[in-house]
Structure formats: C-alpha cells, structure tokens
N, C-alpha and C. Protein backbone atom coordinates (compact mmCIF):
# COMPACT_ATOMS: atom_id res chain seq x y z
N MET A 1 63.72 260.54 222.30
CA MET A 1 64.03 259.08 221.90
C MET A 1 64.75 258.50 223.31
N ILE A 2 64.70 257.24 223.27
CA ILE A 2 65.55 256.38 224.27
C ILE A 2 66.55 255.67 223.51
N ARG A 3 67.79 256.10 223.87
CA ARG A 3 68.88 255.67 223.24
C ARG A 3 69.53 254.48 223.81
N ARG A 4 70.07 253.21 223.28
CA ARG A 4 70.54 252.20 224.04
C ARG A 4 71.78 251.95 223.62
N GLU A 5 72.89 251.79 224.48
CA GLU A 5 74.32 251.88 224.57
C GLU A 5 74.45 250.24 225.05
N GLU A 6 75.24 249.55 224.36
CA GLU A 6 75.53 248.09 224.93
C GLU A 6 77.10 247.87 225.18
N ALA A 7 77.42 247.47 226.08
CA ALA A 7 78.91 247.08 226.52
C ALA A 7 78.92 245.65 226.86
N GLY A 8 78.75 244.58 226.28
CA GLY A 8 78.68 243.23 226.74
C GLY A 8 77.36 242.79 227.64
N ALA A 9 77.54 242.56 228.92
CA ALA A 9 76.62 242.32 229.97
C ALA A 9 75.95 243.64 230.42
N LEU A 10 76.56 244.77 230.19
CA LEU A 10 76.11 245.99 230.58
C LEU A 10 75.48 246.96 229.51
N TRP A 11 74.23 247.22 229.67
CA TRP A 11 73.51 248.38 228.89
C TRP A 11 73.26 249.76 229.61
N ARG A 12 73.27 250.61 228.91
CA ARG A 12 72.63 251.91 229.29
C ARG A 12 71.70 252.52 228.38
N LEU A 13 70.56 252.86 229.15
CA LEU A 13 69.43 253.25 228.51
C LEU A 13 69.37 254.92 228.79
N VAL A 14 69.44 255.52 227.73
CA VAL A 14 69.58 257.08 227.86
C VAL A 14 68.29 257.80 227.46
N ILE A 15 67.48 258.56 228.07
CA ILE A 15 66.54 259.24 227.89
C ILE A 15 67.13 260.51 227.06
N ASP A 16 66.89 260.74 226.15
CA ASP A 16 67.43 261.74 225.18
C ASP A 16 66.67 262.55 224.51
N ARG A 17 66.29 263.60 225.14
CA ARG A 17 65.26 264.57 224.76
C ARG A 17 65.42 265.77 225.43
N PRO A 18 66.75 266.42 225.61
CA PRO A 18 67.09 267.35 226.22
C PRO A 18 66.25 268.93 225.90
N GLU A 19 65.97 268.94 224.82
CA GLU A 19 65.28 270.47 224.30
C GLU A 19 64.04 270.25 225.05
N LYS A 20 63.30 269.06 225.49
CA LYS A 20 61.95 269.10 226.23
C LYS A 20 62.27 268.72 227.74
N ALA A 21 63.34 268.98 228.41
CA ALA A 21 63.67 268.47 229.55
C ALA A 21 63.67 267.02 229.88
N ASN A 22 63.97 266.20 228.63
CA ASN A 22 63.64 264.80 228.54
C ASN A 22 62.50 264.21 229.09
N SER A 23 61.16 265.18 228.98
CA SER A 23 59.73 264.64 229.22
C SER A 23 59.65 263.37 228.41
N LEU A 24 58.62 262.72 228.78
CA LEU A 24 58.57 261.33 228.24
C LEU A 24 57.00 261.29 227.50
N THR A 25 57.18 260.63 225.97
CA THR A 25 55.98 260.51 225.54
C THR A 25 55.78 258.92 225.38
N ALA A 26 54.30 258.79 225.10
CA ALA A 26 53.85 257.52 225.00
C ALA A 26 55.13 256.66 224.26
N ALA A 27 55.40 257.22 223.14
CA ALA A 27 56.27 256.42 222.18
C ALA A 27 57.65 256.05 222.83
N MET A 28 58.12 257.21 223.62
CA MET A 28 59.37 256.86 224.50
C MET A 28 59.17 255.52 225.35
N LEU A 29 58.11 255.55 226.06
CA LEU A 29 57.59 254.68 226.94
C LEU A 29 57.69 253.44 226.36
N ASP A 30 57.11 253.35 225.32
CA ASP A 30 56.95 252.38 224.52
C ASP A 30 58.15 251.63 224.24
N ALA A 31 58.92 252.54 223.56
CA ALA A 31 60.50 252.11 223.33
C ALA A 31 61.32 251.63 224.52
N LEU A 32 61.02 252.29 225.65
CA LEU A 32 61.69 251.81 227.10
C LEU A 32 61.20 250.33 227.12
N ILE A 33 60.04 249.99 227.12
CA ILE A 33 59.69 248.41 227.43
C ILE A 33 60.22 247.88 226.46
N GLY A 34 60.34 248.18 225.13
CA GLY A 34 61.12 247.21 224.34
C GLY A 34 62.46 247.06 224.74
N HIS A 35 63.11 247.85 224.93
CA HIS A 35 64.50 248.05 225.39
C HIS A 35 64.58 246.87 226.53
N LEU A 36 63.77 246.88 227.56
CA LEU A 36 63.99 246.28 228.58
C LEU A 36 63.63 244.83 228.46
N ASP A 37 62.44 244.46 227.54
CA ASP A 37 62.48 243.15 227.06
C ASP A 37 63.82 242.45 226.46
N ALA A 38 64.09 243.35 225.68
CA ALA A 38 65.38 243.03 225.10
C ALA A 38 66.57 242.66 225.93
N ALA A 39 66.52 243.41 226.80
CA ALA A 39 67.49 243.25 227.72
C ALA A 39 67.61 242.08 228.68
N ARG A 40 66.31 241.68 228.93
CA ARG A 40 65.84 240.15 229.78
C ARG A 40 66.08 239.19 228.53
N THR A 41 65.77 239.23 227.31
CA THR A 41 66.20 238.12 226.38
C THR A 41 67.72 237.98 226.12
N ALA A 42 68.55 239.25 226.40
CA ALA A 42 69.89 238.97 225.97
C ALA A 42 70.69 238.79 227.26
N GLY A 43 70.04 238.56 228.40
CA GLY A 43 70.66 238.16 229.77
C GLY A 43 71.17 239.26 230.10
N VAL A 44 71.25 240.42 230.12
CA VAL A 44 71.90 241.71 230.64
C VAL A 44 72.11 241.46 232.04
N ALA A 45 73.21 241.94 232.63
CA ALA A 45 73.50 241.81 234.18
C ALA A 45 73.13 243.14 234.92
N GLY A 46 73.62 244.07 234.31
CA GLY A 46 73.70 245.26 234.73
C GLY A 46 73.03 246.14 233.69
N LEU A 47 72.24 247.14 234.17
CA LEU A 47 71.52 248.14 233.23
C LEU A 47 71.63 249.64 234.01
N VAL A 48 71.99 250.65 233.40
CA VAL A 48 71.91 252.06 233.78
C VAL A 48 71.03 252.82 233.06
N LEU A 49 70.11 253.47 233.91
CA LEU A 49 68.88 254.36 233.30
C LEU A 49 69.55 255.65 233.49
N THR A 50 69.58 256.50 232.51
CA THR A 50 70.04 257.85 232.81
C THR A 50 69.47 258.87 231.74
N GLY A 51 69.74 260.17 231.91
CA GLY A 51 69.36 261.18 230.94
C GLY A 51 70.40 261.93 230.34
N THR A 52 70.14 262.75 229.31
CA THR A 52 70.92 263.53 228.52
C THR A 52 70.78 265.00 229.15
N GLY A 53 71.94 265.82 229.26
CA GLY A 53 71.89 267.20 229.84
C GLY A 53 71.67 267.35 231.40
N ARG A 54 71.09 268.33 231.88
CA ARG A 54 71.13 268.62 233.07
C ARG A 54 69.64 268.24 233.75
N VAL A 55 68.99 267.62 233.05
CA VAL A 55 67.57 266.94 233.90
C VAL A 55 67.49 265.69 233.53
N PHE A 56 67.20 264.85 234.35
CA PHE A 56 66.99 263.37 234.12
C PHE A 56 65.62 263.01 233.41
N SER A 57 64.65 263.83 233.89
CA SER A 57 63.34 263.96 233.07
C SER A 57 62.41 264.67 233.87
N ALA A 58 61.68 265.47 233.24
CA ALA A 58 60.49 266.46 233.89
C ALA A 58 59.18 265.39 233.82
N GLY A 59 59.28 263.99 233.61
CA GLY A 59 58.08 263.45 233.46
C GLY A 59 57.30 263.42 232.36
N ALA A 60 55.92 263.41 232.27
CA ALA A 60 55.20 263.09 231.20
C ALA A 60 55.30 264.54 230.31
N ASP A 61 55.46 264.11 228.89
CA ASP A 61 55.06 265.31 228.06
C ASP A 61 54.04 266.18 228.18
N LEU A 62 54.08 267.35 228.45
CA LEU A 62 53.17 268.13 229.05
C LEU A 62 51.60 267.95 227.92
N ASP A 63 51.81 268.01 226.66
CA ASP A 63 50.83 268.05 225.90
C ASP A 63 50.14 266.73 226.03
N GLU A 64 50.92 265.53 225.78
CA GLU A 64 50.32 263.99 225.94
C GLU A 64 49.73 263.91 227.38
N ALA A 65 50.44 264.29 228.35
CA ALA A 65 49.77 264.30 229.69
C ALA A 65 48.10 264.64 229.69
N LYS A 66 48.04 265.77 229.44
CA LYS A 66 46.77 266.50 229.06
C LYS A 66 45.62 265.49 228.27
N ALA A 67 46.40 264.80 227.25
CA ALA A 67 45.78 263.94 226.46
C ALA A 67 45.45 262.42 226.88
N GLY A 68 45.99 262.20 227.93
CA GLY A 68 45.79 260.90 228.76
C GLY A 68 47.07 260.10 229.07
N LEU A 69 48.34 260.64 228.77
CA LEU A 69 49.38 259.96 229.15
C LEU A 69 49.68 259.85 230.81
N ALA A 70 49.19 260.81 231.12
CA ALA A 70 49.34 260.77 232.95
C ALA A 70 48.79 259.68 233.65
N THR A 71 47.68 259.04 233.04
CA THR A 71 47.13 257.99 233.48
C THR A 71 47.37 256.55 232.67
N SER A 72 48.09 256.77 231.70
CA SER A 72 48.38 255.47 230.83
C SER A 72 49.05 254.44 231.57
N PRO A 73 48.59 253.11 231.26
CA PRO A 73 49.08 251.88 231.93
C PRO A 73 50.72 251.97 231.45
N LEU A 74 51.06 252.66 230.43
CA LEU A 74 52.66 252.41 230.07
C LEU A 74 53.38 252.47 231.00
N TRP A 75 53.22 253.59 231.95
CA TRP A 75 53.84 253.86 233.20
C TRP A 75 54.29 252.73 234.26
N ILE A 76 53.05 251.90 234.25
CA ILE A 76 53.19 250.83 235.14
C ILE A 76 54.07 249.50 234.72
N GLU A 77 53.69 249.45 233.20
CA GLU A 77 54.56 248.43 232.50
C GLU A 77 56.11 248.63 232.71
N ALA A 78 56.34 250.15 232.25
CA ALA A 78 57.86 250.18 232.18
C ALA A 78 58.62 249.91 233.60
N ALA A 79 57.72 250.46 234.53
CA ALA A 79 58.50 250.61 235.83
C ALA A 79 58.38 248.95 236.26
N GLN A 80 57.30 248.17 236.04
CA GLN A 80 57.45 246.69 236.11
C GLN A 80 58.59 245.91 235.56
N ARG A 81 58.60 246.47 234.25
CA ARG A 81 59.77 245.71 233.63
C ARG A 81 61.13 245.88 234.13
N LEU A 82 61.41 247.19 234.57
CA LEU A 82 62.50 247.67 235.47
C LEU A 82 62.86 246.87 236.87
N ALA A 83 61.65 246.84 237.70
CA ALA A 83 61.73 246.32 238.73
C ALA A 83 62.01 244.59 238.54
N ASP A 84 61.50 243.68 237.49
CA ASP A 84 61.47 242.44 237.50
C ASP A 84 62.61 242.15 236.90
N LEU A 85 63.42 242.90 236.06
CA LEU A 85 64.65 242.68 235.24
C LEU A 85 65.73 241.75 236.18
N PRO A 86 65.92 240.77 235.92
CA PRO A 86 66.82 239.96 236.69
C PRO A 86 68.22 240.49 236.58
N ALA A 87 68.78 241.68 236.72
CA ALA A 87 69.93 242.31 236.41
C ALA A 87 69.97 243.52 237.64
N LEU A 88 71.05 243.85 237.88
CA LEU A 88 71.10 245.18 238.77
C LEU A 88 70.70 246.51 238.15
N THR A 89 69.87 247.34 238.48
CA THR A 89 69.61 248.17 237.70
C THR A 89 69.80 249.76 238.60
N VAL A 90 70.55 250.41 238.00
CA VAL A 90 70.96 251.72 238.51
C VAL A 90 70.55 252.86 237.85
N ALA A 91 69.53 253.61 238.46
CA ALA A 91 69.09 255.05 238.09
C ALA A 91 70.40 256.02 238.45
N ALA A 92 70.81 256.59 237.26
CA ALA A 92 71.86 257.48 237.15
C ALA A 92 71.30 258.86 237.06
N LEU A 93 70.85 259.44 238.09
CA LEU A 93 70.09 260.50 237.96
C LEU A 93 71.23 262.15 237.53
N ASN A 94 70.99 262.30 236.44
CA ASN A 94 72.08 263.43 236.02
C ASN A 94 71.33 264.89 236.24
N GLY A 95 70.18 264.90 236.72
CA GLY A 95 69.55 266.11 236.99
C GLY A 95 68.15 265.80 237.71
N THR A 96 67.33 266.74 237.71
CA THR A 96 66.22 266.85 238.57
C THR A 96 65.33 265.74 237.93
N LEU A 97 64.55 265.39 238.87
CA LEU A 97 63.60 264.21 238.64
C LEU A 97 62.24 264.73 238.99
N ALA A 98 61.30 264.74 238.15
CA ALA A 98 59.92 265.19 238.37
C ALA A 98 58.84 264.21 237.88
N GLY A 99 57.64 264.17 238.54
CA GLY A 99 56.45 263.67 238.10
C GLY A 99 56.56 262.18 237.63
N GLY A 100 56.00 261.63 236.67
CA GLY A 100 56.08 260.21 236.54
C GLY A 100 57.32 259.62 236.13
N ALA A 101 58.39 260.52 236.19
CA ALA A 101 59.83 259.76 235.69
C ALA A 101 60.14 259.25 237.30
N PHE A 102 59.53 259.71 238.38
CA PHE A 102 59.87 259.19 239.54
C PHE A 102 59.41 257.63 239.56
N ASN A 103 58.51 257.24 238.83
CA ASN A 103 58.15 256.05 238.73
C ASN A 103 59.08 254.96 238.39
N LEU A 104 60.10 255.62 237.33
CA LEU A 104 61.07 254.70 236.67
C LEU A 104 62.30 254.78 237.55
N ALA A 105 62.74 256.03 238.28
CA ALA A 105 63.65 255.58 239.03
C ALA A 105 63.58 254.69 240.48
N LEU A 106 62.22 254.94 240.92
CA LEU A 106 61.83 254.21 242.20
C LEU A 106 61.96 252.58 241.93
N ALA A 107 61.90 252.30 240.37
CA ALA A 107 61.93 250.89 240.32
C ALA A 107 63.13 250.34 240.25
N CYS A 108 64.07 251.22 240.08
CA CYS A 108 65.42 250.61 240.08
C CYS A 108 66.04 250.07 241.24
N ASP A 109 67.05 249.40 241.48
CA ASP A 109 67.53 248.79 242.49
C ASP A 109 68.32 249.85 243.42
N THR A 110 69.04 250.59 242.46
CA THR A 110 69.69 251.78 243.45
C THR A 110 69.54 253.08 242.41
N ARG A 111 70.03 254.17 243.41
CA ARG A 111 70.02 255.41 242.61
C ARG A 111 71.16 256.30 243.13
N LEU A 112 71.83 256.85 242.06
CA LEU A 112 72.98 257.81 242.10
C LEU A 112 72.29 259.09 241.57
N GLY A 113 72.84 260.24 242.09
CA GLY A 113 72.22 261.62 242.00
C GLY A 113 73.48 262.66 241.86
N VAL A 114 73.31 263.70 241.06
CA VAL A 114 74.12 264.75 241.23
C VAL A 114 73.97 265.97 242.02
N ALA A 115 74.85 266.67 242.75
CA ALA A 115 74.45 267.83 243.55
C ALA A 115 73.50 268.91 242.75
N GLY A 116 72.66 269.37 243.14
CA GLY A 116 71.85 270.48 242.26
C GLY A 116 70.62 269.88 241.79
N ALA A 117 70.36 268.28 241.77
CA ALA A 117 69.16 267.75 241.51
C ALA A 117 68.04 267.99 242.42
N ARG A 118 67.07 268.26 241.76
CA ARG A 118 65.83 268.39 242.73
C ARG A 118 64.81 267.38 242.49
N PHE A 119 64.06 267.08 243.39
CA PHE A 119 62.96 265.84 243.54
C PHE A 119 61.70 266.30 243.81
N PHE A 120 60.66 266.08 242.68
CA PHE A 120 59.19 266.40 243.22
C PHE A 120 58.42 265.85 242.16
N TYR A 121 57.09 265.63 242.78
CA TYR A 121 56.22 264.69 241.94
C TYR A 121 54.80 265.44 242.49
N PRO A 122 54.36 266.44 241.44
CA PRO A 122 53.21 267.40 241.83
C PRO A 122 51.95 266.58 241.43
N VAL A 123 51.61 265.47 241.86
CA VAL A 123 50.32 264.65 241.39
C VAL A 123 49.11 265.70 242.44
N MET A 124 49.24 266.05 243.57
CA MET A 124 48.44 266.90 244.39
C MET A 124 47.98 268.03 243.41
N LYS A 125 48.90 269.01 243.05
CA LYS A 125 48.80 270.30 242.42
C LYS A 125 47.96 269.96 241.06
N LEU A 126 48.55 268.89 240.37
CA LEU A 126 47.94 268.64 239.20
C LEU A 126 46.69 267.88 239.18
N GLY A 127 46.45 267.33 240.10
CA GLY A 127 44.99 266.57 240.26
C GLY A 127 45.13 265.28 239.79
N TYR A 128 46.28 264.59 239.71
CA TYR A 128 46.46 263.08 239.28
C TYR A 128 46.80 262.44 240.41
N LEU A 129 46.62 260.89 240.28
CA LEU A 129 47.12 259.88 241.29
C LEU A 129 48.55 259.77 240.89
N PRO A 130 49.41 259.55 241.86
CA PRO A 130 50.67 258.83 241.71
C PRO A 130 50.41 257.23 240.99
N GLN A 131 51.54 256.74 240.32
CA GLN A 131 51.40 255.53 239.80
C GLN A 131 51.51 254.48 241.03
N PRO A 132 50.54 253.46 240.80
CA PRO A 132 50.22 252.74 242.20
C PRO A 132 51.19 252.34 242.98
N ALA A 133 52.49 251.72 242.34
CA ALA A 133 53.26 251.33 243.38
C ALA A 133 54.30 252.43 244.02
N ASP A 134 54.19 253.68 243.71
CA ASP A 134 55.10 254.75 244.06
C ASP A 134 54.74 255.26 245.53
N PRO A 135 53.66 255.14 245.90
CA PRO A 135 53.76 255.66 247.53
C PRO A 135 54.30 254.66 248.41
N ALA A 136 54.06 253.16 248.14
CA ALA A 136 54.72 252.31 248.73
C ALA A 136 56.20 252.19 248.68
N ARG A 137 56.88 252.44 247.56
CA ARG A 137 58.11 252.35 247.17
C ARG A 137 58.83 253.71 247.80
N LEU A 138 58.04 254.95 247.65
CA LEU A 138 58.75 255.95 248.48
C LEU A 138 58.89 255.90 249.94
N ALA A 139 57.88 255.38 250.59
CA ALA A 139 57.53 255.04 252.01
C ALA A 139 58.86 254.06 252.39
N ALA A 140 58.83 253.11 251.50
CA ALA A 140 59.86 252.04 252.02
C ALA A 140 61.35 252.66 251.96
N LEU A 141 61.58 253.71 251.21
CA LEU A 141 62.94 254.19 251.22
C LEU A 141 63.09 255.33 252.28
N GLY A 142 61.80 256.25 252.52
CA GLY A 142 62.38 257.48 253.26
C GLY A 142 61.22 257.74 254.57
N GLY A 143 60.17 256.44 254.62
CA GLY A 143 59.19 256.76 255.51
C GLY A 143 58.09 257.25 254.96
N PRO A 144 56.71 256.99 255.65
CA PRO A 144 55.54 257.28 255.28
C PRO A 144 55.51 258.82 255.14
N GLY A 145 55.79 259.48 256.44
CA GLY A 145 55.71 260.84 256.50
C GLY A 145 56.26 261.42 255.28
N ARG A 146 57.56 261.14 255.09
CA ARG A 146 58.58 261.83 254.04
C ARG A 146 57.77 261.58 252.70
N ALA A 147 57.33 260.30 252.37
CA ALA A 147 56.51 260.13 251.17
C ALA A 147 55.21 261.33 251.01
N LYS A 148 54.60 261.48 252.13
CA LYS A 148 53.62 262.24 252.12
C LYS A 148 53.99 263.51 251.82
N LEU A 149 55.12 264.17 252.35
CA LEU A 149 55.69 265.71 252.27
C LEU A 149 55.86 265.60 250.49
N ILE A 150 56.10 264.57 249.92
CA ILE A 150 56.51 264.88 248.40
C ILE A 150 54.99 264.69 247.49
N LEU A 151 54.29 263.66 247.88
CA LEU A 151 53.07 263.21 247.39
C LEU A 151 51.95 264.34 247.42
N MET A 152 51.79 264.69 248.99
CA MET A 152 50.58 265.29 249.30
C MET A 152 50.97 266.74 249.51
N ALA A 153 52.11 267.12 249.93
CA ALA A 153 52.36 268.34 250.42
C ALA A 153 53.37 269.32 249.05
N GLY A 154 53.44 268.27 248.15
CA GLY A 154 54.24 268.72 247.17
C GLY A 154 55.43 269.56 247.04
N GLN A 155 56.27 268.93 248.28
CA GLN A 155 57.64 269.48 248.53
C GLN A 155 58.69 269.11 247.49
N ARG A 156 59.51 270.08 247.12
CA ARG A 156 60.75 269.85 246.20
C ARG A 156 61.73 269.46 247.14
N ILE A 157 62.49 268.34 246.79
CA ILE A 157 63.42 267.76 247.61
C ILE A 157 65.04 268.06 247.07
N GLU A 158 65.90 268.57 247.76
CA GLU A 158 67.27 268.93 247.15
C GLU A 158 67.86 267.67 247.17
N ALA A 159 68.89 267.51 246.46
CA ALA A 159 69.83 266.50 246.55
C ALA A 159 70.39 265.89 247.91
N ASP A 160 70.75 266.96 248.66
CA ASP A 160 71.42 266.23 249.81
C ASP A 160 70.45 265.85 250.84
N GLU A 161 69.24 266.22 250.63
CA GLU A 161 68.10 266.03 251.47
C GLU A 161 67.54 264.65 251.15
N ALA A 162 67.46 264.68 249.87
CA ALA A 162 67.09 263.01 249.04
C ALA A 162 68.15 262.00 249.44
N LEU A 163 69.38 262.28 249.72
CA LEU A 163 70.41 261.41 250.21
C LEU A 163 70.12 261.08 251.62
N ALA A 164 69.99 261.90 252.46
CA ALA A 164 69.84 261.89 254.08
C ALA A 164 68.28 261.03 254.06
N TRP A 165 67.37 261.12 253.29
CA TRP A 165 66.13 260.58 253.27
C TRP A 165 66.32 259.02 252.95
N GLY A 166 67.41 258.59 252.06
CA GLY A 166 67.23 257.37 251.30
C GLY A 166 66.64 257.25 249.94
N LEU A 167 66.45 258.31 249.52
CA LEU A 167 65.91 258.40 248.17
C LEU A 167 66.86 258.50 247.22
N LEU A 168 68.00 258.69 247.53
CA LEU A 168 69.34 258.37 246.79
C LEU A 168 70.27 257.65 247.61
N ASP A 169 71.08 256.92 247.04
CA ASP A 169 71.96 256.05 247.68
C ASP A 169 73.45 256.65 247.63
N ARG A 170 73.89 257.44 246.72
CA ARG A 170 74.98 258.21 246.78
C ARG A 170 75.01 259.49 245.91
N LEU A 171 75.63 260.43 246.35
CA LEU A 171 75.74 261.60 245.55
C LEU A 171 77.01 261.59 244.69
N VAL A 172 77.11 262.02 243.65
CA VAL A 172 78.39 262.00 242.98
C VAL A 172 78.52 263.11 242.05
N SER A 173 79.71 263.40 241.57
CA SER A 173 79.72 264.67 240.58
C SER A 173 79.17 264.41 239.28
N ALA A 174 78.58 265.40 238.50
CA ALA A 174 78.26 265.22 237.27
C ALA A 174 79.09 264.52 236.31
N GLU A 175 80.55 264.92 236.63
CA GLU A 175 81.39 264.35 235.54
C GLU A 175 81.81 262.78 235.88
N ALA A 176 81.54 262.31 237.13
CA ALA A 176 81.76 261.03 237.60
C ALA A 176 80.49 260.26 237.36
N LEU A 177 79.49 260.46 237.31
CA LEU A 177 78.09 259.90 237.01
C LEU A 177 78.49 258.77 236.37
N ALA A 178 78.57 258.71 235.02
CA ALA A 178 78.52 257.66 234.21
C ALA A 178 79.27 256.56 234.61
N GLU A 179 80.74 257.06 235.03
CA GLU A 179 81.68 256.06 235.37
C GLU A 179 81.37 255.35 236.77
N ALA A 180 80.73 256.15 237.88
CA ALA A 180 80.21 255.48 238.88
C ALA A 180 79.15 254.41 238.69
N ALA A 181 78.14 254.76 238.02
CA ALA A 181 77.21 254.01 237.52
C ALA A 181 77.49 252.63 237.09
N GLU A 182 78.46 252.76 236.06
CA GLU A 182 79.04 251.57 235.37
C GLU A 182 79.74 250.68 236.36
N ALA A 183 80.46 251.39 237.56
CA ALA A 183 81.33 250.73 238.39
C ALA A 183 80.43 249.98 239.24
N LEU A 184 79.40 250.44 239.77
CA LEU A 184 78.43 249.73 240.61
C LEU A 184 78.04 248.29 239.57
N CYS A 185 78.01 248.26 238.39
CA CYS A 185 77.50 247.26 237.76
C CYS A 185 78.53 246.22 237.46
N ALA A 186 79.70 246.56 238.06
CA ALA A 186 80.90 245.55 237.44
C ALA A 186 80.96 244.09 238.23
N ASP A 187 80.43 244.09 239.21
CA ASP A 187 80.65 242.74 239.63
C ASP A 187 79.48 241.99 239.21
N ALA A 188 78.18 242.46 238.90
CA ALA A 188 77.18 241.69 238.61
C ALA A 188 77.51 241.27 237.05
N CYS A 189 77.94 242.27 236.52
CA CYS A 189 78.55 241.79 234.80
C CYS A 189 79.49 240.87 234.86
N ALA A 190 80.25 240.54 235.89
CA ALA A 190 81.58 239.76 235.72
C ALA A 190 80.76 238.33 236.47
N ALA A 191 79.74 238.32 236.99
CA ALA A 191 79.19 237.16 237.50
C ALA A 191 78.73 236.08 236.71
N PRO A 192 78.54 234.92 237.10
CA PRO A 192 77.93 233.64 236.37
C PRO A 192 76.71 234.25 235.89
N ALA A 193 76.40 233.69 234.66
CA ALA A 193 74.97 234.15 233.92
C ALA A 193 73.85 233.61 234.98
N GLY A 194 73.08 234.56 235.06
CA GLY A 194 71.78 234.57 235.95
C GLY A 194 71.92 234.73 237.33
N HIS A 195 73.28 235.06 237.90
CA HIS A 195 73.38 235.00 239.31
C HIS A 195 73.06 236.27 239.80
N PRO A 196 72.92 237.62 239.17
CA PRO A 196 72.49 238.81 239.61
C PRO A 196 70.82 238.59 239.91
N GLY A 197 70.17 237.88 239.09
CA GLY A 197 68.73 237.81 239.30
C GLY A 197 68.55 236.75 240.55
N ARG A 198 69.32 235.88 240.57
CA ARG A 198 68.98 234.82 241.62
C ARG A 198 69.06 235.67 243.13
N ILE A 199 70.34 236.56 243.43
CA ILE A 199 70.50 237.34 244.38
C ILE A 199 69.07 238.42 244.79
N LYS A 200 68.66 238.88 243.44
CA LYS A 200 67.90 240.06 243.38
C LYS A 200 66.54 239.51 243.97
N ALA A 201 66.21 238.40 243.46
CA ALA A 201 64.85 237.43 244.06
C ALA A 201 64.85 236.87 245.34
N MET A 202 65.81 237.16 246.23
CA MET A 202 66.04 236.92 247.49
C MET A 202 65.44 238.11 248.57
N PHE A 203 65.38 239.24 247.83
CA PHE A 203 65.09 240.67 248.45
C PHE A 203 63.41 240.58 248.71
N PRO A 204 62.94 240.96 249.84
CA PRO A 204 61.31 241.12 250.14
C PRO A 204 60.62 241.87 248.93
N GLY A 205 59.65 241.35 248.61
CA GLY A 205 58.87 242.04 247.41
C GLY A 205 59.42 241.97 246.11
N ALA A 206 60.59 241.19 245.97
CA ALA A 206 60.99 241.01 244.57
C ALA A 206 60.05 239.90 243.72
C-alpha cells in the first residue's frame, strides 16, 4: 500500500509493503498517482517519498512484472506526476533502491540515502527497457558512462559511491532520515503559496 501522512503543506507518501521488499503493484502505482494528484490540488509545498523497513523498493512486484507491469505506462505517469508537482519533492531512500523504483526516485528534486543502501537497475539482465526518461536523468546526475554502468553493465552501486556520483545528494543515518527529509522541505512549506512551483519552473527541463 501507499500510506499518506499530512502535516499542513508537507505530505509524506510511504511505500508500505515491507514483507515484499516494498515491491510495487499496479494498484500501488495507481494509488501513488492519486495521492500526487491530490497533492497538486491541495497546494502541497513539500513532499517526501519514502519506504517502510530496510528497503526503499525492490521495483515491480515480480509476479505482476511478468504479467506486464514492467512495461506498464503507470511508471511513466507516476514519475511524471512527481517531476511536474509544483513542490519540493524529496526521495528519502531508507534502503536499497532497485528496478522500476529508480524511476520514482530520479523524478524527485533531491535524494537522501542511508549508508548500506544499494542501487541497481537490472534491465539488461531481465530483458526490459528502462523507463524512457531514466537514462537521461541518470546521465544528468552522474554522467553518461556511469548511467551505462548501471543500465547496461548491471552494476550495483553502494551508497557512498552513489553520493560521489551525484545520484544521492546527502547520506544520513537511518534514525535521522525522516527528520532530515522534512527539514529540507521547511523553507518551501513556509513560503508564500505557489512560490516553490515558481522556482522549480526556472530549472532547465522543468
């Protein structure tokens, strides 16, 4: 499930399926899209996307991936909603990030991660294409060569290396992750209505 927690202009969306490594089903992606649409309507200024337990998300639910979820347009829709949301969006990566879940984290404005998290996107091994925007987003953060190390060579990247590459913006302790993510949103949430979106629109590609 996707759990929503509201605190004024700040919302937290929590991937809450720890018994399945927070793998995402079509229903969960649909729910995420619904929450993001609601956040836009509500004028949310800061949004934190995180997971429950020690894994942010293992990507698509394995059974549903084989049945077509791996190539579903729901991934594009969810990521585009995140990228377009006129708010500061923070991916608070509480653990390993894998597969299609990369799509969601890359669409956020900034990414925090915990030591011990690993990052991999096994599309080459599994015979799938990455989501359309992901190669460009990965290359923009870490460079084309590093993007190809992940997408084509199937490399698993440790948290400290992800930080050095620019895939993570900060490393924080697991205990401090929630507080650190919310602190990043404090100025946006205190700003005049619509101001976060006006600044976000000034960035190239926004």
